[in-house]
Amino acid sequence: MPINIPYLKEQTPQTVLKMINLEASQLSLPDSRELMLGAFGAYGVLQTVAQAFNHSLLGSLIYGILSAGLLYGATFGLLRVLKEDAKFQRTATAVAIMGAIGALAYTILHLIFAIALPEPLPTEKLLRFLLFPIIVWLAFMYAFLFRHVSLRPVPAFVTAALFVLVIEVILSPICR
């Protein structure tokens, strides 16, 4: 007897899984303002939770809000410069979803290693080491998404790396 889970049969979760596997672009997502706002809300909340381990509660909340706003604004500005305004909602939704997945992965890693390695061990150093592959994955995912908005490969990767660098490396220490 097959299991019927309606949510997994919808277009959006399947498209997100295909995007993670680099089999579909963000243009396969529905063009929905509600989905975009929900994705940015989830991104902000998950970034706040991920930063709450190392930052004060206020600092992590500010980081979540600022990073979501910065990601939204930078995506809007990039697509405005490229004259691809019609692709904004789908691209912004995809960028926010991928950022939320990265924040969720970091949170899960932090919880696993915080439980496995109690306080006197260098858990933070190990987690910063393990955060690097997540940051690299995020840069490649953003580059993949920007490639489908008419950027060539090198400019797409440079732009994606700049997004990740500003949000994860520069903004994070400022919001402590």
C-alpha atoms as a PDB file:
ATOM      1  CA  MET A   1       0.000   0.000   0.000  1.00  0.00           C
ATOM      2  CA  PRO A   2       1.649   3.281  -1.074  1.00  0.00           C
ATOM      3  CA  ILE A   3       2.023   6.112   1.404  1.00  0.00           C
ATOM      4  CA  ASN A   4       0.287   9.273   0.255  1.00  0.00           C
ATOM      5  CA  ILE A   5       1.814  12.461   1.655  1.00  0.00           C
ATOM      6  CA  PRO A   6       0.160  15.302  -0.274  1.00  0.00           C
ATOM      7  CA  TYR A   7       2.778  17.942   0.550  1.00  0.00           C
ATOM      8  CA  LEU A   8       5.580  15.881  -1.005  1.00  0.00           C
ATOM      9  CA  LYS A   9       3.603  15.478  -4.221  1.00  0.00           C
ATOM     10  CA  GLU A  10       3.361  19.230  -4.791  1.00  0.00           C
ATOM     11  CA  GLN A  11       5.609  21.051  -7.227  1.00  0.00           C
ATOM     12  CA  THR A  12       7.628  23.173  -4.802  1.00  0.00           C
ATOM     13  CA  PRO A  13       9.275  20.499  -2.601  1.00  0.00           C
ATOM     14  CA  GLN A  14      10.120  18.408  -5.646  1.00  0.00           C
ATOM     15  CA  THR A  15      11.597  21.431  -7.399  1.00  0.00           C
ATOM     16  CA  VAL A  16      13.691  22.300  -4.328  1.00  0.00           C
ATOM     17  CA  LEU A  17      15.078  18.759  -4.231  1.00  0.00           C
ATOM     18  CA  LYS A  18      15.859  18.976  -7.940  1.00  0.00           C
ATOM     19  CA  MET A  19      17.582  22.329  -7.396  1.00  0.00           C
ATOM     20  CA  ILE A  20      19.741  20.810  -4.652  1.00  0.00           C
ATOM     21  CA  ASN A  21      20.711  18.073  -7.105  1.00  0.00           C
ATOM     22  CA  LEU A  22      21.317  20.743  -9.800  1.00  0.00           C
ATOM     23  CA  GLU A  23      18.632  19.196 -11.990  1.00  0.00           C
ATOM     24  CA  ALA A  24      16.219  22.162 -12.065  1.00  0.00           C
ATOM     25  CA  SER A  25      16.485  25.904 -11.941  1.00  0.00           C
ATOM     26  CA  GLN A  26      14.531  28.383  -9.880  1.00  0.00           C
ATOM     27  CA  LEU A  27      12.405  29.076 -12.952  1.00  0.00           C
ATOM     28  CA  SER A  28      10.576  25.820 -12.180  1.00  0.00           C
ATOM     29  CA  LEU A  29       9.302  27.293  -8.904  1.00  0.00           C
ATOM     30  CA  PRO A  30       5.842  28.850  -8.820  1.00  0.00           C
ATOM     31  CA  ASP A  31       5.842  32.628  -9.222  1.00  0.00           C
ATOM     32  CA  SER A  32       4.296  33.387  -5.842  1.00  0.00           C
ATOM     33  CA  ARG A  33       4.798  36.390  -3.588  1.00  0.00           C
ATOM     34  CA  GLU A  34       3.560  34.381  -0.585  1.00  0.00           C
ATOM     35  CA  LEU A  35       6.126  31.649  -1.236  1.00  0.00           C
ATOM     36  CA  MET A  36       8.884  34.256  -1.525  1.00  0.00           C
ATOM     37  CA  LEU A  37       7.892  35.953   1.737  1.00  0.00           C
ATOM     38  CA  GLY A  38       7.616  32.574   3.462  1.00  0.00           C
ATOM     39  CA  ALA A  39      11.050  31.572   2.184  1.00  0.00           C
ATOM     40  CA  PHE A  40      12.597  34.805   3.472  1.00  0.00           C
ATOM     41  CA  GLY A  41      10.789  34.379   6.780  1.00  0.00           C
ATOM     42  CA  ALA A  42      12.159  30.848   7.126  1.00  0.00           C
ATOM     43  CA  TYR A  43      15.599  32.103   6.099  1.00  0.00           C
ATOM     44  CA  GLY A  44      15.543  34.837   8.740  1.00  0.00           C
ATOM     45  CA  VAL A  45      14.344  32.492  11.488  1.00  0.00           C
ATOM     46  CA  LEU A  46      16.849  29.750  10.647  1.00  0.00           C
ATOM     47  CA  GLN A  47      19.723  32.238  10.417  1.00  0.00           C
ATOM     48  CA  THR A  48      18.696  33.628  13.809  1.00  0.00           C
ATOM     49  CA  VAL A  49      18.650  30.140  15.326  1.00  0.00           C
ATOM     50  CA  ALA A  50      21.999  29.246  13.729  1.00  0.00           C
ATOM     51  CA  GLN A  51      23.630  32.392  15.105  1.00  0.00           C
ATOM     52  CA  ALA A  52      22.056  32.039  18.565  1.00  0.00           C
ATOM     53  CA  PHE A  53      24.732  29.516  19.545  1.00  0.00           C
ATOM     54  CA  ASN A  54      27.549  32.078  19.234  1.00  0.00           C
ATOM     55  CA  HIS A  55      25.806  35.438  19.509  1.00  0.00           C
ATOM     56  CA  SER A  56      23.601  37.116  22.052  1.00  0.00           C
ATOM     57  CA  LEU A  57      19.874  36.750  21.482  1.00  0.00           C
ATOM     58  CA  LEU A  58      19.594  40.350  20.288  1.00  0.00           C
ATOM     59  CA  GLY A  59      22.674  39.990  18.059  1.00  0.00           C
ATOM     60  CA  SER A  60      21.361  36.818  16.444  1.00  0.00           C
ATOM     61  CA  LEU A  61      17.944  38.405  15.901  1.00  0.00           C
ATOM     62  CA  ILE A  62      19.555  41.454  14.286  1.00  0.00           C
ATOM     63  CA  TYR A  63      21.691  39.140  12.144  1.00  0.00           C
ATOM     64  CA  GLY A  64      18.658  37.167  10.975  1.00  0.00           C
ATOM     65  CA  ILE A  65      16.764  40.310   9.994  1.00  0.00           C
ATOM     66  CA  LEU A  66      19.752  42.053   8.400  1.00  0.00           C
ATOM     67  CA  SER A  67      20.885  38.985   6.463  1.00  0.00           C
ATOM     68  CA  ALA A  68      17.371  38.405   5.089  1.00  0.00           C
ATOM     69  CA  GLY A  69      17.076  42.069   4.131  1.00  0.00           C
ATOM     70  CA  LEU A  70      20.531  42.122   2.601  1.00  0.00           C
ATOM     71  CA  LEU A  71      19.878  38.953   0.599  1.00  0.00           C
ATOM     72  CA  TYR A  72      16.553  40.346  -0.635  1.00  0.00           C
ATOM     73  CA  GLY A  73      18.022  43.736  -1.531  1.00  0.00           C
ATOM     74  CA  ALA A  74      21.123  42.335  -3.210  1.00  0.00           C
ATOM     75  CA  THR A  75      19.051  39.909  -5.284  1.00  0.00           C
ATOM     76  CA  PHE A  76      16.662  42.699  -6.256  1.00  0.00           C
ATOM     77  CA  GLY A  77      19.558  44.986  -7.199  1.00  0.00           C
ATOM     78  CA  LEU A  78      21.337  42.284  -9.200  1.00  0.00           C
ATOM     79  CA  LEU A  79      18.253  41.421 -11.216  1.00  0.00           C
ATOM     80  CA  ARG A  80      17.458  45.095 -11.745  1.00  0.00           C
ATOM     81  CA  VAL A  81      20.960  45.656 -13.163  1.00  0.00           C
ATOM     82  CA  LEU A  82      20.598  42.575 -15.383  1.00  0.00           C
ATOM     83  CA  LYS A  83      17.142  43.779 -16.529  1.00  0.00           C
ATOM     84  CA  GLU A  84      15.654  40.446 -15.454  1.00  0.00           C
ATOM     85  CA  ASP A  85      12.950  41.830 -13.159  1.00  0.00           C
ATOM     86  CA  ALA A  86      10.487  39.178 -14.329  1.00  0.00           C
ATOM     87  CA  LYS A  87      12.610  36.465 -12.690  1.00  0.00           C
ATOM     88  CA  PHE A  88      12.925  38.254  -9.340  1.00  0.00           C
ATOM     89  CA  GLN A  89      10.315  36.413  -7.249  1.00  0.00           C
ATOM     90  CA  ARG A  90      11.452  32.967  -8.319  1.00  0.00           C
ATOM     91  CA  THR A  91      15.146  33.772  -7.948  1.00  0.00           C
ATOM     92  CA  ALA A  92      14.691  35.463  -4.572  1.00  0.00           C
ATOM     93  CA  THR A  93      12.599  32.510  -3.377  1.00  0.00           C
ATOM     94  CA  ALA A  94      15.252  30.020  -4.468  1.00  0.00           C
ATOM     95  CA  VAL A  95      18.109  32.024  -2.941  1.00  0.00           C
ATOM     96  CA  ALA A  96      16.246  32.281   0.373  1.00  0.00           C
ATOM     97  CA  ILE A  97      15.385  28.565   0.382  1.00  0.00           C
ATOM     98  CA  MET A  98      19.005  27.570  -0.276  1.00  0.00           C
ATOM     99  CA  GLY A  99      20.217  29.951   2.440  1.00  0.00           C
ATOM    100  CA  ALA A 100      17.671  28.493   4.846  1.00  0.00           C
ATOM    101  CA  ILE A 101      18.860  24.967   4.043  1.00  0.00           C
ATOM    102  CA  GLY A 102      22.451  26.053   4.736  1.00  0.00           C
ATOM    103  CA  ALA A 103      21.426  27.593   8.083  1.00  0.00           C
ATOM    104  CA  LEU A 104      19.483  24.440   8.978  1.00  0.00           C
ATOM    105  CA  ALA A 105      22.508  22.269   8.163  1.00  0.00           C
ATOM    106  CA  TYR A 106      24.716  24.429  10.375  1.00  0.00           C
ATOM    107  CA  THR A 107      22.188  24.268  13.220  1.00  0.00           C
ATOM    108  CA  ILE A 108      21.973  20.475  12.990  1.00  0.00           C
ATOM    109  CA  LEU A 109      25.777  20.160  12.911  1.00  0.00           C
ATOM    110  CA  HIS A 110      26.049  22.450  15.903  1.00  0.00           C
ATOM    111  CA  LEU A 111      23.513  20.436  17.889  1.00  0.00           C
ATOM    112  CA  ILE A 112      25.173  17.126  17.017  1.00  0.00           C
ATOM    113  CA  PHE A 113      28.661  18.283  17.956  1.00  0.00           C
ATOM    114  CA  ALA A 114      27.532  20.192  21.034  1.00  0.00           C
ATOM    115  CA  ILE A 115      26.033  16.959  22.342  1.00  0.00           C
ATOM    116  CA  ALA A 116      28.893  14.732  21.173  1.00  0.00           C
ATOM    117  CA  LEU A 117      31.668  17.030  22.374  1.00  0.00           C
ATOM    118  CA  PRO A 118      30.924  18.596  25.750  1.00  0.00           C
ATOM    119  CA  GLU A 119      32.094  22.073  26.721  1.00  0.00           C
ATOM    120  CA  PRO A 120      35.813  21.667  27.547  1.00  0.00           C
ATOM    121  CA  LEU A 121      36.511  20.293  24.049  1.00  0.00           C
ATOM    122  CA  PRO A 122      37.069  22.737  21.151  1.00  0.00           C
ATOM    123  CA  THR A 123      33.581  22.396  19.689  1.00  0.00           C
ATOM    124  CA  GLU A 124      33.526  25.915  18.227  1.00  0.00           C
ATOM    125  CA  LYS A 125      36.770  25.443  16.278  1.00  0.00           C
ATOM    126  CA  LEU A 126      35.508  22.175  14.837  1.00  0.00           C
ATOM    127  CA  LEU A 127      32.192  23.750  13.885  1.00  0.00           C
ATOM    128  CA  ARG A 128      33.879  26.670  12.149  1.00  0.00           C
ATOM    129  CA  PHE A 129      35.922  24.110  10.210  1.00  0.00           C
ATOM    130  CA  LEU A 130      32.743  22.224   9.280  1.00  0.00           C
ATOM    131  CA  LEU A 131      30.935  25.437   8.365  1.00  0.00           C
ATOM    132  CA  PHE A 132      33.354  26.019   5.489  1.00  0.00           C
ATOM    133  CA  PRO A 133      31.897  23.271   3.231  1.00  0.00           C
ATOM    134  CA  ILE A 134      28.411  24.639   3.895  1.00  0.00           C
ATOM    135  CA  ILE A 135      29.571  28.109   2.854  1.00  0.00           C
ATOM    136  CA  VAL A 136      31.196  26.711  -0.294  1.00  0.00           C
ATOM    137  CA  TRP A 137      28.034  24.733  -1.111  1.00  0.00           C
ATOM    138  CA  LEU A 138      25.974  27.886  -0.621  1.00  0.00           C
ATOM    139  CA  ALA A 139      28.234  29.848  -2.983  1.00  0.00           C
ATOM    140  CA  PHE A 140      27.916  27.147  -5.651  1.00  0.00           C
ATOM    141  CA  MET A 141      24.133  26.986  -5.208  1.00  0.00           C
ATOM    142  CA  TYR A 142      23.797  30.753  -5.544  1.00  0.00           C
ATOM    143  CA  ALA A 143      26.061  30.658  -8.618  1.00  0.00           C
ATOM    144  CA  PHE A 144      23.888  27.910 -10.113  1.00  0.00           C
ATOM    145  CA  LEU A 145      20.800  30.046  -9.531  1.00  0.00           C
ATOM    146  CA  PHE A 146      22.430  33.183 -10.936  1.00  0.00           C
ATOM    147  CA  ARG A 147      23.499  31.232 -14.029  1.00  0.00           C
ATOM    148  CA  HIS A 148      19.822  30.770 -14.829  1.00  0.00           C
ATOM    149  CA  VAL A 149      19.251  34.522 -14.667  1.00  0.00           C
ATOM    150  CA  SER A 150      21.559  35.185 -17.630  1.00  0.00           C
ATOM    151  CA  LEU A 151      24.907  35.590 -15.876  1.00  0.00           C
ATOM    152  CA  ARG A 152      27.901  33.814 -17.348  1.00  0.00           C
ATOM    153  CA  PRO A 153      29.655  31.221 -15.117  1.00  0.00           C
ATOM    154  CA  VAL A 154      32.512  33.346 -13.757  1.00  0.00           C
ATOM    155  CA  PRO A 155      30.418  36.457 -12.979  1.00  0.00           C
ATOM    156  CA  ALA A 156      27.750  34.204 -11.447  1.00  0.00           C
ATOM    157  CA  PHE A 157      30.287  32.577  -9.140  1.00  0.00           C
ATOM    158  CA  VAL A 158      31.933  35.889  -8.215  1.00  0.00           C
ATOM    159  CA  THR A 159      28.538  37.409  -7.422  1.00  0.00           C
ATOM    160  CA  ALA A 160      27.503  34.375  -5.393  1.00  0.00           C
ATOM    161  CA  ALA A 161      30.786  34.356  -3.491  1.00  0.00           C
ATOM    162  CA  LEU A 162      30.338  38.044  -2.758  1.00  0.00           C
ATOM    163  CA  PHE A 163      26.815  37.429  -1.410  1.00  0.00           C
ATOM    164  CA  VAL A 164      28.041  34.636   0.861  1.00  0.00           C
ATOM    165  CA  LEU A 165      31.150  36.537   1.935  1.00  0.00           C
ATOM    166  CA  VAL A 166      29.228  39.640   2.960  1.00  0.00           C
ATOM    167  CA  ILE A 167      26.471  37.756   4.800  1.00  0.00           C
ATOM    168  CA  GLU A 168      28.377  34.913   6.436  1.00  0.00           C
ATOM    169  CA  VAL A 169      31.851  36.349   6.977  1.00  0.00           C
ATOM    170  CA  ILE A 170      31.426  40.117   7.339  1.00  0.00           C
ATOM    171  CA  LEU A 171      27.912  40.541   8.788  1.00  0.00           C
ATOM    172  CA  SER A 172      28.142  37.683  11.296  1.00  0.00           C
ATOM    173  CA  PRO A 173      30.990  39.114  13.421  1.00  0.00           C
ATOM    174  CA  ILE A 174      29.459  42.595  13.302  1.00  0.00           C
ATOM    175  CA  CYS A 175      26.203  41.368  14.880  1.00  0.00           C
ATOM    176  CA  ARG A 176      27.771  39.722  17.920  1.00  0.00           C
END
